[in-house]
Amino acid sequence: MTAEELAGAAAETTTKRYPVAPGTRVNVRSGPGTGYPVVKVLPAGVSVPINCQCPGTTVSGPYGTTNIWDNIANGQYVSDAYVKTGSDGYVAVRCG
């Protein structure tokens, strides 16, 4: 592993991860809204990092109705309505 890869791996282990709703496959979109294309689908039972959060399309899901979208990777967003953060508000810095 290069020093860069080691630093990335270390950062991943210290980043807080949040579980997606049990038994739910969650669409990952290229931007913060349902109008953005789906770039992949998360399998049920995974946990995701939240790098930052921003407002977008309002979505109803297992954890309520919200317009907050979680950035889980570069160009990858999921609705906070499907992520168990323990809060109805922002839990990370705003994207931008």
PDB file of N, CA and C in Angstrom:
ATOM      1  N   MET A   1       0.840  -1.190   0.000  1.00  0.00           N
ATOM      2  CA  MET A   1       0.000   0.000   0.000  1.00  0.00           C
ATOM      3  C   MET A   1       0.879   1.246   0.000  1.00  0.00           C
ATOM      4  N   THR A   2       0.434   2.252  -0.735  1.00  0.00           N
ATOM      5  CA  THR A   2       1.156   3.527  -0.746  1.00  0.00           C
ATOM      6  C   THR A   2       0.782   4.302   0.508  1.00  0.00           C
ATOM      7  N   ALA A   3       1.538   5.341   0.794  1.00  0.00           N
ATOM      8  CA  ALA A   3       1.238   6.184   1.953  1.00  0.00           C
ATOM      9  C   ALA A   3      -0.150   6.804   1.814  1.00  0.00           C
ATOM     10  N   GLU A   4      -0.519   7.164   0.566  1.00  0.00           N
ATOM     11  CA  GLU A   4      -1.827   7.751   0.311  1.00  0.00           C
ATOM     12  C   GLU A   4      -2.945   6.756   0.611  1.00  0.00           C
ATOM     13  N   GLU A   5      -2.763   5.508   0.190  1.00  0.00           N
ATOM     14  CA  GLU A   5      -3.764   4.466   0.452  1.00  0.00           C
ATOM     15  C   GLU A   5      -3.879   4.183   1.946  1.00  0.00           C
ATOM     16  N   LEU A   6      -2.745   4.166   2.640  1.00  0.00           N
ATOM     17  CA  LEU A   6      -2.771   3.953   4.091  1.00  0.00           C
ATOM     18  C   LEU A   6      -3.510   5.076   4.793  1.00  0.00           C
ATOM     19  N   ALA A   7      -3.273   6.314   4.373  1.00  0.00           N
ATOM     20  CA  ALA A   7      -3.954   7.462   4.978  1.00  0.00           C
ATOM     21  C   ALA A   7      -5.455   7.362   4.730  1.00  0.00           C
ATOM     22  N   GLY A   8      -5.844   6.957   3.509  1.00  0.00           N
ATOM     23  CA  GLY A   8      -7.260   6.792   3.194  1.00  0.00           C
ATOM     24  C   GLY A   8      -7.893   5.701   4.021  1.00  0.00           C
ATOM     25  N   ALA A   9      -7.190   4.588   4.197  1.00  0.00           N
ATOM     26  CA  ALA A   9      -7.700   3.475   4.998  1.00  0.00           C
ATOM     27  C   ALA A   9      -7.846   3.901   6.455  1.00  0.00           C
ATOM     28  N   ALA A  10      -6.879   4.653   6.962  1.00  0.00           N
ATOM     29  CA  ALA A  10      -6.941   5.130   8.345  1.00  0.00           C
ATOM     30  C   ALA A  10      -8.123   6.076   8.524  1.00  0.00           C
ATOM     31  N   ALA A  11      -8.348   6.947   7.545  1.00  0.00           N
ATOM     32  CA  ALA A  11      -9.464   7.887   7.624  1.00  0.00           C
ATOM     33  C   ALA A  11     -10.787   7.137   7.617  1.00  0.00           C
ATOM     34  N   GLU A  12     -10.888   6.080   6.821  1.00  0.00           N
ATOM     35  CA  GLU A  12     -12.127   5.307   6.757  1.00  0.00           C
ATOM     36  C   GLU A  12     -12.440   4.629   8.083  1.00  0.00           C
ATOM     37  N   THR A  13     -11.414   4.183   8.790  1.00  0.00           N
ATOM     38  CA  THR A  13     -11.663   3.483  10.045  1.00  0.00           C
ATOM     39  C   THR A  13     -12.059   4.452  11.155  1.00  0.00           C
ATOM     40  N   THR A  14     -11.702   5.749  11.021  1.00  0.00           N
ATOM     41  CA  THR A  14     -12.046   6.710  12.056  1.00  0.00           C
ATOM     42  C   THR A  14     -13.310   7.496  11.722  1.00  0.00           C
ATOM     43  N   THR A  15     -13.794   7.409  10.493  1.00  0.00           N
ATOM     44  CA  THR A  15     -15.010   8.105  10.095  1.00  0.00           C
ATOM     45  C   THR A  15     -16.216   7.365  10.662  1.00  0.00           C
ATOM     46  N   LYS A  16     -17.124   8.116  11.284  1.00  0.00           N
ATOM     47  CA  LYS A  16     -18.337   7.502  11.829  1.00  0.00           C
ATOM     48  C   LYS A  16     -19.199   7.006  10.674  1.00  0.00           C
ATOM     49  N   ARG A  17     -19.727   5.815  10.839  1.00  0.00           N
ATOM     50  CA  ARG A  17     -20.595   5.220   9.821  1.00  0.00           C
ATOM     51  C   ARG A  17     -21.997   5.064  10.407  1.00  0.00           C
ATOM     52  N   TYR A  18     -22.994   5.220   9.543  1.00  0.00           N
ATOM     53  CA  TYR A  18     -24.387   5.159   9.956  1.00  0.00           C
ATOM     54  C   TYR A  18     -25.093   4.039   9.182  1.00  0.00           C
ATOM     55  N   PRO A  19     -25.926   3.237   9.864  1.00  0.00           N
ATOM     56  CA  PRO A  19     -26.611   2.139   9.171  1.00  0.00           C
ATOM     57  C   PRO A  19     -27.766   2.645   8.301  1.00  0.00           C
ATOM     58  N   VAL A  20     -27.940   1.997   7.151  1.00  0.00           N
ATOM     59  CA  VAL A  20     -29.129   2.275   6.342  1.00  0.00           C
ATOM     60  C   VAL A  20     -30.261   1.422   6.901  1.00  0.00           C
ATOM     61  N   ALA A  21     -31.489   1.772   6.558  1.00  0.00           N
ATOM     62  CA  ALA A  21     -32.658   1.080   7.089  1.00  0.00           C
ATOM     63  C   ALA A  21     -32.562  -0.425   6.836  1.00  0.00           C
ATOM     64  N   PRO A  22     -32.828  -1.228   7.872  1.00  0.00           N
ATOM     65  CA  PRO A  22     -32.736  -2.686   7.720  1.00  0.00           C
ATOM     66  C   PRO A  22     -33.681  -3.203   6.644  1.00  0.00           C
ATOM     67  N   GLY A  23     -33.192  -4.167   5.862  1.00  0.00           N
ATOM     68  CA  GLY A  23     -34.007  -4.786   4.837  1.00  0.00           C
ATOM     69  C   GLY A  23     -34.299  -3.902   3.637  1.00  0.00           C
ATOM     70  N   THR A  24     -33.584  -2.769   3.536  1.00  0.00           N
ATOM     71  CA  THR A  24     -33.847  -1.817   2.462  1.00  0.00           C
ATOM     72  C   THR A  24     -32.626  -1.670   1.561  1.00  0.00           C
ATOM     73  N   ARG A  25     -32.860  -1.757   0.269  1.00  0.00           N
ATOM     74  CA  ARG A  25     -31.813  -1.444  -0.713  1.00  0.00           C
ATOM     75  C   ARG A  25     -31.996   0.025  -1.073  1.00  0.00           C
ATOM     76  N   VAL A  26     -30.976   0.819  -0.879  1.00  0.00           N
ATOM     77  CA  VAL A  26     -31.088   2.274  -1.033  1.00  0.00           C
ATOM     78  C   VAL A  26     -30.420   2.742  -2.323  1.00  0.00           C
ATOM     79  N   ASN A  27     -31.155   3.549  -3.091  1.00  0.00           N
ATOM     80  CA  ASN A  27     -30.596   4.146  -4.298  1.00  0.00           C
ATOM     81  C   ASN A  27     -29.572   5.215  -3.933  1.00  0.00           C
ATOM     82  N   VAL A  28     -28.427   5.169  -4.583  1.00  0.00           N
ATOM     83  CA  VAL A  28     -27.403   6.195  -4.438  1.00  0.00           C
ATOM     84  C   VAL A  28     -27.472   7.030  -5.706  1.00  0.00           C
ATOM     85  N   ARG A  29     -27.612   8.335  -5.551  1.00  0.00           N
ATOM     86  CA  ARG A  29     -27.784   9.229  -6.698  1.00  0.00           C
ATOM     87  C   ARG A  29     -26.578  10.143  -6.871  1.00  0.00           C
ATOM     88  N   SER A  30     -26.452  10.693  -8.066  1.00  0.00           N
ATOM     89  CA  SER A  30     -25.296  11.537  -8.387  1.00  0.00           C
ATOM     90  C   SER A  30     -25.406  12.933  -7.786  1.00  0.00           C
ATOM     91  N   GLY A  31     -26.560  13.291  -7.256  1.00  0.00           N
ATOM     92  CA  GLY A  31     -26.774  14.586  -6.618  1.00  0.00           C
ATOM     93  C   GLY A  31     -27.861  14.476  -5.572  1.00  0.00           C
ATOM     94  N   PRO A  32     -28.120  15.574  -4.849  1.00  0.00           N
ATOM     95  CA  PRO A  32     -29.055  15.549  -3.725  1.00  0.00           C
ATOM     96  C   PRO A  32     -30.525  15.662  -4.116  1.00  0.00           C
ATOM     97  N   GLY A  33     -31.016  14.660  -4.834  1.00  0.00           N
ATOM     98  CA  GLY A  33     -32.427  14.687  -5.193  1.00  0.00           C
ATOM     99  C   GLY A  33     -32.826  13.509  -6.052  1.00  0.00           C
ATOM    100  N   THR A  34     -34.134  13.262  -6.102  1.00  0.00           N
ATOM    101  CA  THR A  34     -34.647  12.131  -6.864  1.00  0.00           C
ATOM    102  C   THR A  34     -34.569  12.364  -8.373  1.00  0.00           C
ATOM    103  N   GLY A  35     -34.305  13.577  -8.797  1.00  0.00           N
ATOM    104  CA  GLY A  35     -34.158  13.874 -10.212  1.00  0.00           C
ATOM    105  C   GLY A  35     -32.785  13.527 -10.763  1.00  0.00           C
ATOM    106  N   TYR A  36     -31.852  13.206  -9.872  1.00  0.00           N
ATOM    107  CA  TYR A  36     -30.505  12.827 -10.299  1.00  0.00           C
ATOM    108  C   TYR A  36     -30.465  11.340 -10.625  1.00  0.00           C
ATOM    109  N   PRO A  37     -29.607  10.943 -11.554  1.00  0.00           N
ATOM    110  CA  PRO A  37     -29.522   9.519 -11.910  1.00  0.00           C
ATOM    111  C   PRO A  37     -29.031   8.651 -10.752  1.00  0.00           C
ATOM    112  N   VAL A  38     -29.517   7.410 -10.716  1.00  0.00           N
ATOM    113  CA  VAL A  38     -29.038   6.423  -9.753  1.00  0.00           C
ATOM    114  C   VAL A  38     -27.676   5.941 -10.244  1.00  0.00           C
ATOM    115  N   VAL A  39     -26.650   6.024  -9.373  1.00  0.00           N
ATOM    116  CA  VAL A  39     -25.305   5.586  -9.768  1.00  0.00           C
ATOM    117  C   VAL A  39     -24.992   4.183  -9.252  1.00  0.00           C
ATOM    118  N   LYS A  40     -25.692   3.776  -8.182  1.00  0.00           N
ATOM    119  CA  LYS A  40     -25.580   2.415  -7.672  1.00  0.00           C
ATOM    120  C   LYS A  40     -26.674   2.204  -6.637  1.00  0.00           C
ATOM    121  N   VAL A  41     -26.815   0.976  -6.182  1.00  0.00           N
ATOM    122  CA  VAL A  41     -27.796   0.642  -5.152  1.00  0.00           C
ATOM    123  C   VAL A  41     -27.041  -0.006  -3.992  1.00  0.00           C
ATOM    124  N   LEU A  42     -27.274   0.514  -2.792  1.00  0.00           N
ATOM    125  CA  LEU A  42     -26.636  -0.069  -1.609  1.00  0.00           C
ATOM    126  C   LEU A  42     -27.382  -1.332  -1.206  1.00  0.00           C
ATOM    127  N   PRO A  43     -26.678  -2.400  -0.893  1.00  0.00           N
ATOM    128  CA  PRO A  43     -27.358  -3.603  -0.418  1.00  0.00           C
ATOM    129  C   PRO A  43     -27.901  -3.384   0.997  1.00  0.00           C
ATOM    130  N   ALA A  44     -28.879  -4.161   1.364  1.00  0.00           N
ATOM    131  CA  ALA A  44     -29.451  -4.074   2.710  1.00  0.00           C
ATOM    132  C   ALA A  44     -28.376  -4.370   3.752  1.00  0.00           C
ATOM    133  N   GLY A  45     -28.447  -3.671   4.874  1.00  0.00           N
ATOM    134  CA  GLY A  45     -27.576  -3.970   6.004  1.00  0.00           C
ATOM    135  C   GLY A  45     -26.217  -3.277   6.027  1.00  0.00           C
ATOM    136  N   VAL A  46     -25.971  -2.365   5.098  1.00  0.00           N
ATOM    137  CA  VAL A  46     -24.675  -1.694   5.095  1.00  0.00           C
ATOM    138  C   VAL A  46     -24.719  -0.429   5.946  1.00  0.00           C
ATOM    139  N   SER A  47     -23.542   0.052   6.307  1.00  0.00           N
ATOM    140  CA  SER A  47     -23.400   1.338   6.980  1.00  0.00           C
ATOM    141  C   SER A  47     -22.603   2.250   6.060  1.00  0.00           C
ATOM    142  N   VAL A  48     -22.914   3.541   6.117  1.00  0.00           N
ATOM    143  CA  VAL A  48     -22.263   4.501   5.224  1.00  0.00           C
ATOM    144  C   VAL A  48     -21.641   5.646   6.016  1.00  0.00           C
ATOM    145  N   PRO A  49     -20.553   6.214   5.504  1.00  0.00           N
ATOM    146  CA  PRO A  49     -20.008   7.426   6.106  1.00  0.00           C
ATOM    147  C   PRO A  49     -20.831   8.616   5.617  1.00  0.00           C
ATOM    148  N   ILE A  50     -20.903   9.669   6.393  1.00  0.00           N
ATOM    149  CA  ILE A  50     -21.533  10.903   5.918  1.00  0.00           C
ATOM    150  C   ILE A  50     -20.442  11.968   5.899  1.00  0.00           C
ATOM    151  N   ASN A  51     -20.006  12.318   4.687  1.00  0.00           N
ATOM    152  CA  ASN A  51     -18.943  13.311   4.538  1.00  0.00           C
ATOM    153  C   ASN A  51     -19.465  14.719   4.759  1.00  0.00           C
ATOM    154  N   CYS A  52     -20.673  14.977   4.251  1.00  0.00           N
ATOM    155  CA  CYS A  52     -21.339  16.261   4.420  1.00  0.00           C
ATOM    156  C   CYS A  52     -22.803  16.059   4.060  1.00  0.00           C
ATOM    157  N   GLN A  53     -23.628  17.059   4.336  1.00  0.00           N
ATOM    158  CA  GLN A  53     -25.061  16.968   4.064  1.00  0.00           C
ATOM    159  C   GLN A  53     -25.536  18.253   3.401  1.00  0.00           C
ATOM    160  N   CYS A  54     -26.611  18.138   2.602  1.00  0.00           N
ATOM    161  CA  CYS A  54     -27.156  19.321   1.953  1.00  0.00           C
ATOM    162  C   CYS A  54     -28.649  19.127   1.700  1.00  0.00           C
ATOM    163  N   PRO A  55     -29.370  20.240   1.486  1.00  0.00           N
ATOM    164  CA  PRO A  55     -30.793  20.121   1.181  1.00  0.00           C
ATOM    165  C   PRO A  55     -31.013  19.679  -0.260  1.00  0.00           C
ATOM    166  N   GLY A  56     -32.133  19.001  -0.492  1.00  0.00           N
ATOM    167  CA  GLY A  56     -32.493  18.541  -1.834  1.00  0.00           C
ATOM    168  C   GLY A  56     -33.956  18.171  -1.859  1.00  0.00           C
ATOM    169  N   THR A  57     -34.315  17.228  -2.702  1.00  0.00           N
ATOM    170  CA  THR A  57     -35.691  16.760  -2.825  1.00  0.00           C
ATOM    171  C   THR A  57     -36.171  16.173  -1.499  1.00  0.00           C
ATOM    172  N   THR A  58     -37.408  16.482  -1.113  1.00  0.00           N
ATOM    173  CA  THR A  58     -37.990  15.902   0.099  1.00  0.00           C
ATOM    174  C   THR A  58     -38.397  14.459  -0.178  1.00  0.00           C
ATOM    175  N   VAL A  59     -37.983  13.572   0.742  1.00  0.00           N
ATOM    176  CA  VAL A  59     -38.233  12.135   0.600  1.00  0.00           C
ATOM    177  C   VAL A  59     -38.800  11.597   1.913  1.00  0.00           C
ATOM    178  N   SER A  60     -39.745  10.667   1.821  1.00  0.00           N
ATOM    179  CA  SER A  60     -40.261   9.957   2.998  1.00  0.00           C
ATOM    180  C   SER A  60     -39.670   8.557   3.008  1.00  0.00           C
ATOM    181  N   GLY A  61     -39.206   8.136   4.180  1.00  0.00           N
ATOM    182  CA  GLY A  61     -38.608   6.815   4.318  1.00  0.00           C
ATOM    183  C   GLY A  61     -38.790   6.283   5.724  1.00  0.00           C
ATOM    184  N   PRO A  62     -38.099   5.216   6.062  1.00  0.00           N
ATOM    185  CA  PRO A  62     -38.235   4.591   7.377  1.00  0.00           C
ATOM    186  C   PRO A  62     -37.903   5.523   8.544  1.00  0.00           C
ATOM    187  N   TYR A  63     -37.046   6.528   8.292  1.00  0.00           N
ATOM    188  CA  TYR A  63     -36.651   7.426   9.377  1.00  0.00           C
ATOM    189  C   TYR A  63     -37.267   8.812   9.234  1.00  0.00           C
ATOM    190  N   GLY A  64     -38.455   8.873   8.623  1.00  0.00           N
ATOM    191  CA  GLY A  64     -39.185  10.127   8.551  1.00  0.00           C
ATOM    192  C   GLY A  64     -39.172  10.753   7.165  1.00  0.00           C
ATOM    193  N   THR A  65     -39.641  11.995   7.118  1.00  0.00           N
ATOM    194  CA  THR A  65     -39.675  12.770   5.884  1.00  0.00           C
ATOM    195  C   THR A  65     -38.679  13.903   6.025  1.00  0.00           C
ATOM    196  N   THR A  66     -37.789  14.040   5.044  1.00  0.00           N
ATOM    197  CA  THR A  66     -36.733  15.038   5.139  1.00  0.00           C
ATOM    198  C   THR A  66     -36.277  15.484   3.762  1.00  0.00           C
ATOM    199  N   ASN A  67     -35.663  16.659   3.715  1.00  0.00           N
ATOM    200  CA  ASN A  67     -35.041  17.128   2.473  1.00  0.00           C
ATOM    201  C   ASN A  67     -33.517  17.082   2.593  1.00  0.00           C
ATOM    202  N   ILE A  68     -33.009  16.451   3.653  1.00  0.00           N
ATOM    203  CA  ILE A  68     -31.559  16.340   3.860  1.00  0.00           C
ATOM    204  C   ILE A  68     -31.022  15.155   3.070  1.00  0.00           C
ATOM    205  N   TRP A  69     -29.931  15.395   2.349  1.00  0.00           N
ATOM    206  CA  TRP A  69     -29.246  14.356   1.586  1.00  0.00           C
ATOM    207  C   TRP A  69     -27.833  14.214   2.110  1.00  0.00           C
ATOM    208  N   ASP A  70     -27.396  12.965   2.245  1.00  0.00           N
ATOM    209  CA  ASP A  70     -26.074  12.648   2.793  1.00  0.00           C
ATOM    210  C   ASP A  70     -25.096  12.322   1.664  1.00  0.00           C
ATOM    211  N   ASN A  71     -23.964  13.011   1.653  1.00  0.00           N
ATOM    212  CA  ASN A  71     -22.905  12.700   0.692  1.00  0.00           C
ATOM    213  C   ASN A  71     -22.076  11.575   1.298  1.00  0.00           C
ATOM    214  N   ILE A  72     -22.074  10.406   0.634  1.00  0.00           N
ATOM    215  CA  ILE A  72     -21.361   9.241   1.170  1.00  0.00           C
ATOM    216  C   ILE A  72     -20.043   8.981   0.445  1.00  0.00           C
ATOM    217  N   ALA A  73     -19.850   9.628  -0.688  1.00  0.00           N
ATOM    218  CA  ALA A  73     -18.613   9.522  -1.472  1.00  0.00           C
ATOM    219  C   ALA A  73     -18.692  10.598  -2.554  1.00  0.00           C
ATOM    220  N   ASN A  74     -17.621  10.788  -3.268  1.00  0.00           N
ATOM    221  CA  ASN A  74     -17.601  11.796  -4.315  1.00  0.00           C
ATOM    222  C   ASN A  74     -18.690  11.516  -5.352  1.00  0.00           C
ATOM    223  N   GLY A  75     -19.654  12.448  -5.497  1.00  0.00           N
ATOM    224  CA  GLY A  75     -20.732  12.273  -6.463  1.00  0.00           C
ATOM    225  C   GLY A  75     -21.755  11.223  -6.092  1.00  0.00           C
ATOM    226  N   GLN A  76     -21.860  10.894  -4.786  1.00  0.00           N
ATOM    227  CA  GLN A  76     -22.801   9.869  -4.336  1.00  0.00           C
ATOM    228  C   GLN A  76     -23.607  10.383  -3.135  1.00  0.00           C
ATOM    229  N   TYR A  77     -24.931  10.431  -3.313  1.00  0.00           N
ATOM    230  CA  TYR A  77     -25.827  10.952  -2.282  1.00  0.00           C
ATOM    231  C   TYR A  77     -26.953   9.969  -1.999  1.00  0.00           C
ATOM    232  N   VAL A  78     -27.352   9.893  -0.726  1.00  0.00           N
ATOM    233  CA  VAL A  78     -28.527   9.112  -0.334  1.00  0.00           C
ATOM    234  C   VAL A  78     -29.414   9.996   0.541  1.00  0.00           C
ATOM    235  N   SER A  79     -30.711   9.762   0.471  1.00  0.00           N
ATOM    236  CA  SER A  79     -31.626  10.527   1.305  1.00  0.00           C
ATOM    237  C   SER A  79     -31.419  10.151   2.769  1.00  0.00           C
ATOM    238  N   ASP A  80     -31.406  11.160   3.622  1.00  0.00           N
ATOM    239  CA  ASP A  80     -31.242  10.933   5.062  1.00  0.00           C
ATOM    240  C   ASP A  80     -32.439  10.177   5.651  1.00  0.00           C
ATOM    241  N   ALA A  81     -33.548  10.117   4.909  1.00  0.00           N
ATOM    242  CA  ALA A  81     -34.729   9.378   5.367  1.00  0.00           C
ATOM    243  C   ALA A  81     -34.455   7.879   5.450  1.00  0.00           C
ATOM    244  N   TYR A  82     -33.360   7.420   4.831  1.00  0.00           N
ATOM    245  CA  TYR A  82     -33.006   5.995   4.823  1.00  0.00           C
ATOM    246  C   TYR A  82     -31.749   5.692   5.636  1.00  0.00           C
ATOM    247  N   VAL A  83     -31.228   6.699   6.345  1.00  0.00           N
ATOM    248  CA  VAL A  83     -29.999   6.513   7.119  1.00  0.00           C
ATOM    249  C   VAL A  83     -30.305   6.821   8.581  1.00  0.00           C
ATOM    250  N   LYS A  84     -29.941   5.907   9.464  1.00  0.00           N
ATOM    251  CA  LYS A  84     -30.220   6.081  10.895  1.00  0.00           C
ATOM    252  C   LYS A  84     -29.114   6.908  11.541  1.00  0.00           C
ATOM    253  N   THR A  85     -29.368   8.220  11.648  1.00  0.00           N
ATOM    254  CA  THR A  85     -28.379   9.126  12.249  1.00  0.00           C
ATOM    255  C   THR A  85     -28.706   9.447  13.702  1.00  0.00           C
ATOM    256  N   GLY A  86     -29.941   9.149  14.123  1.00  0.00           N
ATOM    257  CA  GLY A  86     -30.351   9.480  15.484  1.00  0.00           C
ATOM    258  C   GLY A  86     -30.788  10.926  15.622  1.00  0.00           C
ATOM    259  N   SER A  87     -30.952  11.621  14.493  1.00  0.00           N
ATOM    260  CA  SER A  87     -31.330  13.029  14.523  1.00  0.00           C
ATOM    261  C   SER A  87     -32.252  13.347  13.359  1.00  0.00           C
ATOM    262  N   ASP A  88     -33.138  14.320  13.555  1.00  0.00           N
ATOM    263  CA  ASP A  88     -33.991  14.789  12.467  1.00  0.00           C
ATOM    264  C   ASP A  88     -33.330  15.942  11.717  1.00  0.00           C
ATOM    265  N   GLY A  89     -32.145  16.343  12.176  1.00  0.00           N
ATOM    266  CA  GLY A  89     -31.447  17.468  11.553  1.00  0.00           C
ATOM    267  C   GLY A  89     -30.087  17.046  11.016  1.00  0.00           C
ATOM    268  N   TYR A  90     -29.272  18.044  10.786  1.00  0.00           N
ATOM    269  CA  TYR A  90     -27.925  17.810  10.256  1.00  0.00           C
ATOM    270  C   TYR A  90     -27.016  17.206  11.328  1.00  0.00           C
ATOM    271  N   VAL A  91     -26.224  16.219  10.933  1.00  0.00           N
ATOM    272  CA  VAL A  91     -25.252  15.589  11.844  1.00  0.00           C
ATOM    273  C   VAL A  91     -23.821  15.752  11.315  1.00  0.00           C
ATOM    274  N   ALA A  92     -23.692  16.410  10.157  1.00  0.00           N
ATOM    275  CA  ALA A  92     -22.382  16.637   9.548  1.00  0.00           C
ATOM    276  C   ALA A  92     -22.371  18.041   8.961  1.00  0.00           C
ATOM    277  N   VAL A  93     -21.215  18.480   8.539  1.00  0.00           N
ATOM    278  CA  VAL A  93     -21.086  19.798   7.931  1.00  0.00           C
ATOM    279  C   VAL A  93     -21.904  19.857   6.644  1.00  0.00           C
ATOM    280  N   ARG A  94     -22.280  21.058   6.259  1.00  0.00           N
ATOM    281  CA  ARG A  94     -23.000  21.249   4.993  1.00  0.00           C
ATOM    282  C   ARG A  94     -22.035  21.124   3.819  1.00  0.00           C
ATOM    283  N   CYS A  95     -22.509  20.465   2.765  1.00  0.00           N
ATOM    284  CA  CYS A  95     -21.694  20.335   1.553  1.00  0.00           C
ATOM    285  C   CYS A  95     -21.577  21.697   0.880  1.00  0.00           C
ATOM    286  N   GLY A  96     -20.486  21.859   0.174  1.00  0.00           N
ATOM    287  CA  GLY A  96     -20.421  23.073  -0.612  1.00  0.00           C
ATOM    288  C   GLY A  96     -19.161  23.775  -0.481  1.00  0.00           C
TER     289      GLY A  96
END
